[in-house]
Amino acid sequence: MKKPILLILTCLLLAITGSGKAGSLNLLFSNTCRSSYPVIVQGKVYSDSTGVPISGHAVLITASALGYSATHYSDADGNYSDTIPDVGPGYTIIVATLDCHQVLHSQSFLSIPTPVTINFSICDSPQPVECHAIFYFILDSLNKQANTFRFFDISTGNPDHWFWQFGDGTTSNIKNPKHQFATPGTYQVCLMITKAPGGQVVCWDSVCQSLTTVTYRKLGGHLFAGNFPINNPVSTGDTGLAFLYRVNKNRLVPVDTSRFTELGYYAFPQVLPGNYYLRAELTPGSSKFNQFFPGYFNNSLKWTESTHIDLADSNAYTCQIHLLACPDSLAGPASIWGDVTNGEPGQGPVAIPYAEVLLYNSLMTPVGFTMADHQGRFILSGIPYGNYYLYVEFAGKYSRLTGVSLEPPNVVSDTLHIQLFDHNVTGISDLVSPGSIADRVFPNPADDRVTVKLHTSAPARYLFRIIDMTGRTVTSMDADITAGEATFSISLAEIQPGIYILFIHTSDGADSNIQKFIKK
């Protein structure tokens, strides 16, 4: 049997007041194997000078081992009563009240199956300022220590003393404590508050709540560089980083990071139930670092194209991530310099550190990447002349495609500013079009179809791709176009409303064009 909370609390209150009486608390419980029964407490509060009943006077009844606490007020005849259900033998019940001098009067008894009468003869005065004990608690989901909860006192009456019992034998006397439950289970958490300016008790109250700990899940998998797990079956000098993000309404919240080498296997042993996104990359210094793009679960370069992992009901041990290989033929004299900043209205150009910048060629094929530094600055070097697009990949945030044209003698495109947004971007700047083989699409905005007029100098096979603002291809088709002018129409029936980019290019990449349109 745990030591009852009110034994400690009563001593605390007596130490504060310096006077008063308290009944003895017998901790030798009798025959606890007998069946339970209700305990009835009743009594009267009356004036010690006149014998007149005192109405509306607060009486506190507590059975801490049961997680029970209740405050009752005497009626017009000074009577109060309470019934504690399903108690049984051997539990200490404490009944207490304050007199007009704020002196604590308390009596205790061991639970018995017959009604117990406890009367209080006290000096009569207006009731003290009321205190009402109220608290709430939340799971500290970002804490690496499992089942760590934060408790918040929101009691009324401006208390200045707090006494918490967490139900596992530990206590705290701070206002808003943090506590870890080492063993999973259900606990009765009790809070007693007092207000005692200058050592004189003005009011007090207590309350208990039931708390049940959380069952954690396990998540793990292999990181593949192409088709082979890193360092498996022998070490190849690679180190992986896995990042875990929890879905919180419409946001992604980073919750954990795992650094791993052995056999290319990462693990998150304590994960709360819920939906998650998973990202992995090789660290600088790894033997294959520049050979593979960072990626997400189900082999995606972007979180918006990835699949979330559901850990609501079970563990997940085979969440494999296959990193996409970077082209090894990218070499040239040009470079792109820039920075990544926050683009949300009213927040100013705040730098976004360590964001991933993806480089696409004119056909929207990924050809390279780099990571911004701690000040959000990035450099992409060794790039051939041509037309490119940049996209910033950052879990839970959105970017626009930014076009860049690298033509001699300009070997550097600098002061490029790319913005990240917390919401799905609904607008886009005009894109650089690397050719003039097509007029603008029409109608724009479009309903069910969009049409484009082509101007070609020779017969060729043309490819058409419609891409959304995250760079995801939503539809594609191809057609043989003869020389001269030709009109090509594309169905939008299966495409959701939004802003899209139409990429047009020949099969050999010799001619290309980019158009922007809106689907209503």
Protein backbone atom coordinates (compact mmCIF):
# COMPACT_ATOMS: atom_id res chain seq x y z
CA MET A 1 0.00 0.00 0.00
CA LYS A 2 1.41 3.37 -1.00
CA LYS A 3 1.79 6.05 1.68
CA PRO A 4 -1.40 8.17 1.45
CA ILE A 5 -0.95 11.65 0.05
CA LEU A 6 -3.14 13.36 2.67
CA LEU A 7 -0.93 12.12 5.52
CA ILE A 8 1.86 14.19 4.00
CA LEU A 9 -0.44 17.05 3.03
CA THR A 10 -2.03 17.32 6.46
CA CYS A 11 1.41 17.56 8.03
CA LEU A 12 2.28 20.22 5.44
CA LEU A 13 -0.77 22.27 6.35
CA LEU A 14 -0.10 21.91 10.08
CA ALA A 15 3.45 23.09 9.52
CA ILE A 16 2.08 26.14 7.68
CA THR A 17 -0.50 27.05 10.33
CA GLY A 18 1.54 26.08 13.36
CA SER A 19 -1.60 24.90 15.18
CA GLY A 20 -4.71 22.76 14.87
CA LYS A 21 -5.60 19.17 15.43
CA ALA A 22 -5.44 16.14 13.25
CA GLY A 23 -6.65 12.65 13.97
CA SER A 24 -4.12 9.83 13.96
CA LEU A 25 -3.59 8.00 10.66
CA ASN A 26 -3.36 4.26 11.18
CA LEU A 27 -1.37 2.65 8.35
CA LEU A 28 -2.00 -0.94 9.59
CA PHE A 29 -4.81 -1.97 7.28
CA SER A 30 -7.16 -4.75 8.24
CA ASN A 31 -8.13 -7.75 6.13
CA THR A 32 -7.94 -6.24 2.63
CA CYS A 33 -9.26 -9.45 1.08
CA ARG A 34 -12.88 -8.73 2.11
CA SER A 35 -15.29 -7.45 -0.54
CA SER A 36 -15.66 -3.71 -1.17
CA TYR A 37 -18.43 -1.52 0.23
CA PRO A 38 -19.30 2.19 0.21
CA VAL A 39 -18.06 4.50 2.97
CA ILE A 40 -20.51 7.12 4.25
CA VAL A 41 -19.19 10.25 5.96
CA GLN A 42 -21.56 12.71 7.61
CA GLY A 43 -21.51 15.40 10.25
CA LYS A 44 -22.34 18.93 11.32
CA VAL A 45 -20.44 22.21 11.41
CA TYR A 46 -21.50 24.60 14.18
CA SER A 47 -20.21 27.62 16.09
CA ASP A 48 -18.11 26.87 19.15
CA SER A 49 -19.38 30.02 20.89
CA THR A 50 -23.11 29.96 20.15
CA GLY A 51 -23.77 26.38 19.08
CA VAL A 52 -25.57 27.71 15.98
CA PRO A 53 -25.12 25.63 12.80
CA ILE A 54 -22.81 27.19 10.21
CA SER A 55 -24.13 26.98 6.66
CA GLY A 56 -22.13 27.07 3.44
CA HIS A 57 -18.90 25.97 5.15
CA ALA A 58 -16.39 23.92 3.08
CA VAL A 59 -15.47 20.41 4.24
CA LEU A 60 -12.77 18.47 2.35
CA ILE A 61 -12.99 14.65 2.23
CA THR A 62 -10.01 12.77 0.80
CA ALA A 63 -9.00 9.13 0.28
CA SER A 64 -5.72 9.50 -1.58
CA ALA A 65 -5.02 5.78 -1.97
CA LEU A 66 -8.25 5.62 -3.98
CA GLY A 67 -7.51 8.81 -5.92
CA TYR A 68 -10.62 10.34 -4.36
CA SER A 69 -11.12 13.95 -3.27
CA ALA A 70 -14.34 15.96 -2.82
CA THR A 71 -15.35 19.27 -1.28
CA HIS A 72 -18.83 19.63 0.25
CA TYR A 73 -20.58 22.64 1.78
CA SER A 74 -22.76 22.47 4.86
CA ASP A 75 -26.48 23.12 4.38
CA ALA A 76 -28.73 25.55 6.28
CA ASP A 77 -28.69 23.23 9.31
CA GLY A 78 -24.90 22.87 9.21
CA ASN A 79 -25.05 19.29 7.88
CA TYR A 80 -22.76 17.78 5.26
CA SER A 81 -22.46 14.24 3.90
CA ASP A 82 -20.57 12.23 1.30
CA THR A 83 -20.60 8.65 0.01
CA ILE A 84 -17.41 7.12 -1.37
CA PRO A 85 -18.40 4.08 -3.49
CA ASP A 86 -16.60 0.71 -3.67
CA VAL A 87 -14.03 1.27 -0.96
CA GLY A 88 -13.67 -1.79 1.21
CA PRO A 89 -11.60 -2.15 4.39
CA GLY A 90 -8.23 -0.68 5.29
CA TYR A 91 -8.29 2.73 3.56
CA THR A 92 -7.54 5.97 5.41
CA ILE A 93 -10.21 8.66 4.99
CA ILE A 94 -9.38 12.24 6.03
CA VAL A 95 -12.01 14.90 6.74
CA ALA A 96 -10.81 18.51 7.19
CA THR A 97 -11.99 22.10 7.38
CA LEU A 98 -10.69 25.59 8.27
CA ASP A 99 -11.96 27.79 11.08
CA CYS A 100 -12.28 31.59 11.15
CA HIS A 101 -8.57 31.94 12.03
CA GLN A 102 -7.61 29.77 9.06
CA VAL A 103 -6.56 26.97 11.41
CA LEU A 104 -6.86 23.50 9.95
CA HIS A 105 -9.13 21.01 11.76
CA SER A 106 -8.89 17.43 10.51
CA GLN A 107 -9.85 13.92 11.58
CA SER A 108 -9.13 10.57 10.01
CA PHE A 109 -10.49 7.05 10.25
CA LEU A 110 -10.07 3.66 8.60
CA SER A 111 -12.86 2.73 6.21
CA ILE A 112 -15.69 0.72 7.76
CA PRO A 113 -19.05 -0.44 6.33
CA THR A 114 -21.15 1.71 8.72
CA PRO A 115 -21.67 5.50 8.54
CA VAL A 116 -19.05 7.64 10.27
CA THR A 117 -20.05 10.93 11.90
CA ILE A 118 -17.47 13.71 12.28
CA ASN A 119 -18.61 17.05 13.69
CA PHE A 120 -16.65 20.30 13.71
CA SER A 121 -17.06 22.94 16.40
CA ILE A 122 -15.28 26.02 15.08
CA CYS A 123 -15.38 29.78 15.31
CA ASP A 124 -17.85 31.33 12.91
CA SER A 125 -16.76 33.82 10.25
CA PRO A 126 -17.21 34.53 6.53
CA GLN A 127 -15.79 31.81 4.38
CA PRO A 128 -12.18 32.24 3.22
CA VAL A 129 -11.33 32.93 -0.39
CA GLU A 130 -12.15 29.81 -2.37
CA CYS A 131 -9.48 27.73 -4.07
CA HIS A 132 -10.41 25.16 -6.70
CA ALA A 133 -7.73 22.68 -7.72
CA ILE A 134 -7.67 22.16 -11.49
CA PHE A 135 -4.91 20.77 -13.71
CA TYR A 136 -4.35 19.24 -17.11
CA PHE A 137 -1.54 17.18 -18.60
CA ILE A 138 -0.07 16.46 -22.04
CA LEU A 139 2.36 13.89 -23.35
CA ASP A 140 5.74 15.46 -24.13
CA SER A 141 5.87 13.88 -27.59
CA LEU A 142 9.28 15.35 -28.51
CA ASN A 143 10.99 13.98 -25.39
CA LYS A 144 13.37 11.07 -26.01
CA GLN A 145 12.34 9.59 -22.65
CA ALA A 146 9.21 7.53 -23.24
CA ASN A 147 6.01 8.43 -21.41
CA THR A 148 7.18 11.81 -20.19
CA PHE A 149 4.21 14.02 -19.35
CA ARG A 150 3.95 17.71 -18.55
CA PHE A 151 1.47 18.85 -15.90
CA PHE A 152 -0.03 22.32 -15.75
CA ASP A 153 -1.78 23.86 -12.74
CA ILE A 154 -4.72 26.09 -13.71
CA SER A 155 -6.28 26.28 -10.25
CA THR A 156 -8.32 29.27 -9.15
CA GLY A 157 -7.65 31.31 -6.00
CA ASN A 158 -3.96 32.06 -6.77
CA PRO A 159 -2.42 29.22 -4.71
CA ASP A 160 1.21 29.49 -3.64
CA HIS A 161 1.86 25.89 -2.55
CA TRP A 162 1.51 22.77 -4.72
CA PHE A 163 1.85 19.13 -3.85
CA TRP A 164 1.69 16.55 -6.64
CA GLN A 165 1.55 12.78 -6.25
CA PHE A 166 1.99 10.95 -9.55
CA GLY A 167 0.68 7.60 -8.38
CA ASP A 168 4.00 5.81 -8.77
CA GLY A 169 5.48 6.78 -5.41
CA THR A 170 7.03 10.07 -6.56
CA THR A 171 5.97 13.63 -5.74
CA SER A 172 6.71 17.22 -6.70
CA ASN A 173 6.08 20.63 -5.14
CA ILE A 174 6.62 22.86 -8.18
CA LYS A 175 3.71 24.47 -10.01
CA ASN A 176 4.06 22.87 -13.45
CA PRO A 177 6.20 19.72 -13.17
CA LYS A 178 7.44 17.28 -15.79
CA HIS A 179 7.39 13.59 -14.94
CA GLN A 180 8.34 10.33 -16.64
CA PHE A 181 6.49 7.12 -15.84
CA ALA A 182 9.06 4.35 -15.91
CA THR A 183 6.48 1.56 -16.12
CA PRO A 184 3.52 1.66 -18.54
CA GLY A 185 0.10 1.59 -16.90
CA THR A 186 -2.71 3.69 -15.47
CA TYR A 187 -1.97 6.08 -12.59
CA GLN A 188 -4.00 8.31 -10.28
CA VAL A 189 -2.33 11.74 -10.31
CA CYS A 190 -3.36 14.03 -7.44
CA LEU A 191 -2.74 17.73 -6.86
CA MET A 192 -3.29 19.59 -3.59
CA ILE A 193 -3.07 23.37 -3.58
CA THR A 194 -2.97 25.84 -0.70
CA LYS A 195 -2.84 29.59 -0.46
CA ALA A 196 -0.96 30.66 2.64
CA PRO A 197 0.42 34.22 2.44
CA GLY A 198 2.64 34.89 5.46
CA GLY A 199 2.20 31.29 6.59
CA GLN A 200 -1.56 31.73 7.22
CA VAL A 201 -3.71 29.31 5.21
CA VAL A 202 -6.40 31.16 3.30
CA CYS A 203 -7.81 28.28 1.26
CA TRP A 204 -6.98 24.83 -0.02
CA ASP A 205 -8.36 22.13 -2.33
CA SER A 206 -7.30 18.90 -4.02
CA VAL A 207 -8.23 16.93 -7.12
CA CYS A 208 -7.19 13.64 -8.75
CA GLN A 209 -7.22 12.48 -12.37
CA SER A 210 -6.55 9.16 -14.05
CA LEU A 211 -3.65 9.00 -16.53
CA THR A 212 -2.85 6.13 -18.87
CA THR A 213 0.56 5.89 -20.52
CA VAL A 214 1.11 5.39 -24.24
CA THR A 215 2.14 2.25 -26.13
CA TYR A 216 5.08 3.11 -28.40
CA ARG A 217 5.80 1.66 -31.83
CA LYS A 218 9.03 0.61 -33.56
CA LEU A 219 10.09 1.72 -37.05
CA GLY A 220 13.08 0.67 -39.11
CA GLY A 221 14.42 -0.31 -42.52
CA HIS A 222 17.40 -0.37 -44.85
CA LEU A 223 18.86 2.51 -46.83
CA PHE A 224 19.67 1.47 -50.39
CA ALA A 225 22.19 3.27 -52.60
CA GLY A 226 20.48 2.27 -55.80
CA ASN A 227 19.72 -1.45 -55.51
CA PHE A 228 22.14 -2.31 -52.70
CA PRO A 229 21.91 -1.52 -48.98
CA ILE A 230 24.81 0.64 -47.82
CA ASN A 231 27.57 -1.21 -45.93
CA ASN A 232 25.85 -4.53 -46.58
CA PRO A 233 27.19 -7.19 -46.40
CA VAL A 234 30.50 -5.40 -45.84
CA SER A 235 31.25 -1.78 -45.01
CA THR A 236 31.70 0.55 -47.97
CA GLY A 237 32.53 3.63 -45.91
CA ASP A 238 29.04 5.15 -45.99
CA THR A 239 27.10 6.74 -43.15
CA GLY A 240 23.36 7.31 -43.35
CA LEU A 241 21.06 9.81 -41.71
CA ALA A 242 17.34 9.07 -41.32
CA PHE A 243 14.89 11.85 -40.41
CA LEU A 244 11.44 11.14 -39.01
CA TYR A 245 8.53 13.62 -39.33
CA ARG A 246 5.12 13.23 -37.69
CA VAL A 247 1.96 14.42 -39.43
CA ASN A 248 0.26 17.00 -37.20
CA LYS A 249 -2.91 18.19 -38.96
CA ASN A 250 -1.54 19.97 -42.07
CA ARG A 251 2.05 20.23 -40.82
CA LEU A 252 5.08 17.94 -40.62
CA VAL A 253 6.85 18.07 -37.26
CA PRO A 254 10.44 16.72 -37.03
CA VAL A 255 10.58 14.25 -34.14
CA ASP A 256 13.81 12.25 -34.40
CA THR A 257 17.06 11.66 -36.29
CA SER A 258 18.98 8.40 -36.57
CA ARG A 259 22.63 8.17 -37.65
CA PHE A 260 23.61 4.67 -38.75
CA THR A 261 26.29 2.66 -40.54
CA GLU A 262 26.05 -1.03 -39.67
CA LEU A 263 24.48 -3.04 -42.52
CA GLY A 264 22.69 0.11 -43.68
CA TYR A 265 19.84 -0.40 -41.19
CA TYR A 266 18.25 2.52 -39.36
CA ALA A 267 15.87 2.21 -36.40
CA PHE A 268 13.55 4.37 -34.34
CA PRO A 269 12.73 2.17 -31.33
CA GLN A 270 10.24 4.50 -29.57
CA VAL A 271 7.70 6.14 -31.88
CA LEU A 272 4.25 7.35 -30.88
CA PRO A 273 1.30 5.93 -32.83
CA GLY A 274 0.38 8.11 -35.81
CA ASN A 275 1.32 8.93 -39.40
CA TYR A 276 4.93 9.70 -40.36
CA TYR A 277 7.13 10.71 -43.29
CA LEU A 278 10.64 9.33 -43.54
CA ARG A 279 13.66 10.87 -45.28
CA ALA A 280 17.25 9.62 -45.57
CA GLU A 281 20.55 10.76 -47.02
CA LEU A 282 24.24 9.95 -47.04
CA THR A 283 26.48 12.19 -44.97
CA PRO A 284 29.32 14.29 -46.44
CA GLY A 285 32.42 12.13 -46.39
CA SER A 286 30.54 8.98 -47.36
CA SER A 287 32.06 7.20 -50.35
CA LYS A 288 28.84 7.56 -52.37
CA PHE A 289 27.74 10.99 -51.07
CA ASN A 290 27.78 12.81 -54.43
CA GLN A 291 26.42 9.82 -56.33
CA PHE A 292 22.90 9.68 -54.86
CA PHE A 293 20.13 12.17 -54.16
CA PRO A 294 18.59 12.32 -50.68
CA GLY A 295 15.19 10.64 -50.78
CA TYR A 296 11.97 9.70 -49.02
CA PHE A 297 10.22 6.45 -48.25
CA ASN A 298 8.84 4.85 -51.45
CA ASN A 299 11.76 6.22 -53.52
CA SER A 300 10.71 9.86 -53.94
CA LEU A 301 12.82 12.99 -54.16
CA LYS A 302 10.06 15.14 -52.62
CA TRP A 303 7.93 14.71 -49.55
CA THR A 304 4.84 15.72 -51.52
CA GLU A 305 5.34 12.64 -53.71
CA SER A 306 6.16 10.32 -50.83
CA THR A 307 3.84 7.94 -48.96
CA HIS A 308 3.22 8.33 -45.25
CA ILE A 309 3.81 5.44 -42.84
CA ASP A 310 0.89 4.49 -40.61
CA LEU A 311 1.99 3.43 -37.11
CA ALA A 312 -1.46 3.59 -35.53
CA ASP A 313 -1.83 -0.14 -34.83
CA SER A 314 1.47 -1.90 -35.52
CA ASN A 315 5.25 -1.66 -35.87
CA ALA A 316 7.02 -1.18 -39.21
CA TYR A 317 10.37 -2.91 -39.70
CA THR A 318 10.76 -2.85 -43.50
CA CYS A 319 10.46 0.81 -44.50
CA GLN A 320 13.12 0.67 -47.20
CA ILE A 321 14.44 3.81 -48.90
CA HIS A 322 16.12 3.57 -52.31
CA LEU A 323 18.20 6.64 -53.15
CA LEU A 324 18.07 7.78 -56.78
CA ALA A 325 21.44 7.92 -58.53
CA CYS A 326 22.76 11.29 -59.70
CA PRO A 327 23.91 11.57 -63.35
CA ASP A 328 27.69 11.29 -63.59
CA SER A 329 27.99 13.28 -66.82
CA LEU A 330 27.24 16.77 -65.45
CA ALA A 331 30.33 18.91 -66.08
CA GLY A 332 30.74 22.43 -67.38
CA PRO A 333 32.05 25.95 -66.72
CA ALA A 334 28.91 27.56 -65.22
CA SER A 335 27.59 27.85 -61.68
CA ILE A 336 24.49 29.04 -59.81
CA TRP A 337 24.67 31.00 -56.56
CA GLY A 338 21.81 31.98 -54.32
CA ASP A 339 20.05 31.67 -50.99
CA VAL A 340 16.92 30.14 -49.49
CA THR A 341 14.63 32.33 -47.40
CA ASN A 342 11.21 32.22 -45.81
CA GLY A 343 8.48 33.44 -48.16
CA GLU A 344 5.51 33.69 -45.81
CA PRO A 345 3.86 37.15 -45.85
CA GLY A 346 4.74 39.43 -42.94
CA GLN A 347 7.66 37.32 -41.69
CA GLY A 348 10.52 38.94 -43.59
CA PRO A 349 13.36 37.28 -45.55
CA VAL A 350 14.59 34.92 -42.83
CA ALA A 351 17.30 32.51 -44.02
CA ILE A 352 16.42 28.80 -44.12
CA PRO A 353 19.56 26.81 -43.24
CA TYR A 354 20.45 23.33 -44.53
CA ALA A 355 17.71 23.17 -47.16
CA GLU A 356 18.20 20.83 -50.13
CA VAL A 357 18.33 22.54 -53.54
CA LEU A 358 17.45 20.27 -56.48
CA LEU A 359 18.69 21.04 -60.00
CA TYR A 360 16.54 19.97 -63.00
CA ASN A 361 17.41 20.26 -66.68
CA SER A 362 15.02 21.71 -69.28
CA LEU A 363 13.22 18.34 -69.51
CA MET A 364 12.60 18.36 -65.74
CA THR A 365 15.03 15.50 -65.16
CA PRO A 366 16.93 15.84 -61.86
CA VAL A 367 20.64 16.25 -62.60
CA GLY A 368 22.17 17.48 -59.32
CA PHE A 369 21.67 18.82 -55.82
CA THR A 370 23.39 20.74 -53.07
CA MET A 371 22.67 21.67 -49.46
CA ALA A 372 22.38 25.26 -48.28
CA ASP A 373 24.73 26.25 -45.46
CA HIS A 374 23.80 27.53 -41.99
CA GLN A 375 22.98 30.95 -43.51
CA GLY A 376 20.78 29.53 -46.26
CA ARG A 377 23.37 30.13 -49.01
CA PHE A 378 24.03 27.56 -51.73
CA ILE A 379 26.33 27.02 -54.74
CA LEU A 380 25.84 24.66 -57.69
CA SER A 381 29.02 24.49 -59.75
CA GLY A 382 30.42 22.57 -62.72
CA ILE A 383 27.21 23.02 -64.75
CA PRO A 384 27.09 22.95 -68.59
CA TYR A 385 25.46 25.85 -70.39
CA GLY A 386 21.73 25.46 -70.86
CA ASN A 387 18.35 26.01 -69.22
CA TYR A 388 17.63 24.71 -65.73
CA TYR A 389 15.10 24.77 -62.95
CA LEU A 390 15.67 24.86 -59.21
CA TYR A 391 13.41 23.48 -56.54
CA VAL A 392 14.00 23.61 -52.78
CA GLU A 393 13.01 20.42 -51.01
CA PHE A 394 12.26 20.85 -47.31
CA ALA A 395 9.96 18.42 -45.47
CA GLY A 396 6.62 20.03 -44.72
CA LYS A 397 7.28 23.18 -46.79
CA TYR A 398 6.62 24.19 -50.38
CA SER A 399 8.74 25.85 -53.08
CA ARG A 400 8.24 27.25 -56.55
CA LEU A 401 10.17 26.11 -59.58
CA THR A 402 12.70 28.80 -60.47
CA GLY A 403 14.05 28.99 -64.03
CA VAL A 404 17.70 29.79 -64.79
CA SER A 405 19.31 30.30 -68.20
CA LEU A 406 23.08 29.81 -68.42
CA GLU A 407 24.50 31.10 -71.72
CA PRO A 408 28.03 32.28 -72.61
CA PRO A 409 29.72 34.51 -71.76
CA ASN A 410 27.77 34.52 -68.45
CA VAL A 411 29.27 31.63 -66.49
CA VAL A 412 27.61 32.55 -63.17
CA SER A 413 23.99 33.14 -62.23
CA ASP A 414 24.20 34.75 -58.81
CA THR A 415 21.98 36.51 -56.25
CA LEU A 416 19.24 33.97 -56.93
CA HIS A 417 16.62 34.06 -54.16
CA ILE A 418 14.38 31.03 -53.63
CA GLN A 419 11.55 31.14 -51.11
CA LEU A 420 9.97 28.47 -48.96
CA PHE A 421 6.35 28.56 -47.86
CA ASP A 422 4.34 26.89 -45.12
CA HIS A 423 1.36 26.54 -47.46
CA ASN A 424 0.92 25.08 -50.92
CA VAL A 425 1.96 27.85 -53.28
CA THR A 426 -0.88 29.02 -55.53
CA GLY A 427 1.09 31.34 -57.81
CA ILE A 428 4.28 31.20 -59.83
CA SER A 429 6.43 33.72 -61.66
CA ASP A 430 6.65 33.53 -65.44
CA LEU A 431 9.08 30.82 -66.45
CA VAL A 432 11.98 31.16 -68.82
CA SER A 433 11.06 29.51 -72.11
CA PRO A 434 14.08 28.02 -73.89
CA GLY A 435 12.42 28.05 -77.32
CA SER A 436 9.67 29.58 -79.46
CA ILE A 437 8.20 26.48 -81.07
CA ALA A 438 4.78 27.13 -79.46
CA ASP A 439 2.36 29.98 -78.89
CA ARG A 440 0.85 30.46 -75.46
CA VAL A 441 -1.73 27.84 -74.45
CA PHE A 442 -5.41 28.72 -74.75
CA PRO A 443 -7.86 29.11 -73.19
CA ASN A 444 -6.11 30.20 -70.03
CA PRO A 445 -7.64 29.66 -67.47
CA ALA A 446 -8.89 26.39 -68.95
CA ASP A 447 -11.83 24.11 -68.17
CA ASP A 448 -11.70 20.60 -69.62
CA ARG A 449 -9.07 21.03 -72.35
CA VAL A 450 -6.07 23.18 -73.15
CA THR A 451 -4.74 23.79 -76.66
CA VAL A 452 -1.34 24.88 -77.94
CA LYS A 453 -0.23 25.85 -81.48
CA LEU A 454 3.17 24.51 -82.57
CA HIS A 455 5.58 25.97 -85.14
CA THR A 456 7.97 23.30 -86.42
CA SER A 457 10.63 23.35 -89.11
CA ALA A 458 10.75 19.58 -89.67
CA PRO A 459 8.66 16.53 -88.79
CA ALA A 460 9.42 15.22 -85.32
CA ARG A 461 8.00 13.26 -82.43
CA TYR A 462 6.95 15.66 -79.65
CA LEU A 463 6.43 14.81 -76.00
CA PHE A 464 3.96 16.73 -73.82
CA ARG A 465 4.08 16.66 -70.02
CA ILE A 466 1.89 18.54 -67.53
CA ILE A 467 3.61 19.13 -64.19
CA ASP A 468 2.14 20.59 -60.99
CA MET A 469 3.82 23.15 -58.75
CA THR A 470 5.69 20.48 -56.77
CA GLY A 471 7.33 19.19 -59.97
CA ARG A 472 5.16 16.04 -60.10
CA THR A 473 4.07 14.85 -63.57
CA VAL A 474 0.27 14.55 -63.57
CA THR A 475 -0.18 13.49 -67.20
CA SER A 476 1.96 12.91 -70.30
CA MET A 477 1.52 12.01 -73.97
CA ASP A 478 3.36 12.11 -77.28
CA ALA A 479 2.50 12.76 -80.94
CA ASP A 480 4.13 12.88 -84.36
CA ILE A 481 3.97 16.48 -85.66
CA THR A 482 4.59 17.39 -89.32
CA ALA A 483 6.51 20.47 -90.44
CA GLY A 484 4.78 23.83 -90.32
CA GLU A 485 1.98 24.75 -87.94
CA ALA A 486 0.04 22.21 -85.92
CA THR A 487 -2.55 22.48 -83.17
CA PHE A 488 -2.47 20.02 -80.28
CA SER A 489 -5.22 19.66 -77.66
CA ILE A 490 -4.82 18.03 -74.23
CA SER A 491 -7.62 16.79 -71.97
CA LEU A 492 -7.68 18.17 -68.40
CA ALA A 493 -10.66 16.09 -67.23
CA GLU A 494 -8.59 14.07 -64.71
CA ILE A 495 -6.59 17.04 -63.39
CA GLN A 496 -7.51 18.90 -60.22
CA PRO A 497 -7.91 22.71 -60.30
CA GLY A 498 -4.64 24.58 -59.83
CA ILE A 499 -1.59 26.03 -61.57
CA TYR A 500 0.36 23.79 -63.96
CA ILE A 501 3.33 23.84 -66.33
CA LEU A 502 3.21 22.32 -69.81
CA PHE A 503 6.58 21.01 -71.04
CA ILE A 504 6.88 20.42 -74.77
CA HIS A 505 10.00 18.91 -76.28
CA THR A 506 11.16 16.70 -79.12
CA SER A 507 12.23 13.16 -78.39
CA ASP A 508 15.87 14.08 -79.03
CA GLY A 509 15.65 17.24 -76.88
CA ALA A 510 16.61 19.53 -79.77
CA ASP A 511 13.50 21.75 -79.42
CA SER A 512 11.60 22.53 -76.22
CA ASN A 513 9.10 24.98 -74.82
CA ILE A 514 7.48 25.68 -71.45
CA GLN A 515 4.00 27.12 -70.87
CA LYS A 516 2.11 27.99 -67.73
CA PHE A 517 -1.67 27.68 -67.38
CA ILE A 518 -4.44 27.52 -64.80
CA LYS A 519 -7.02 24.71 -64.57
CA LYS A 520 -10.29 26.15 -63.21
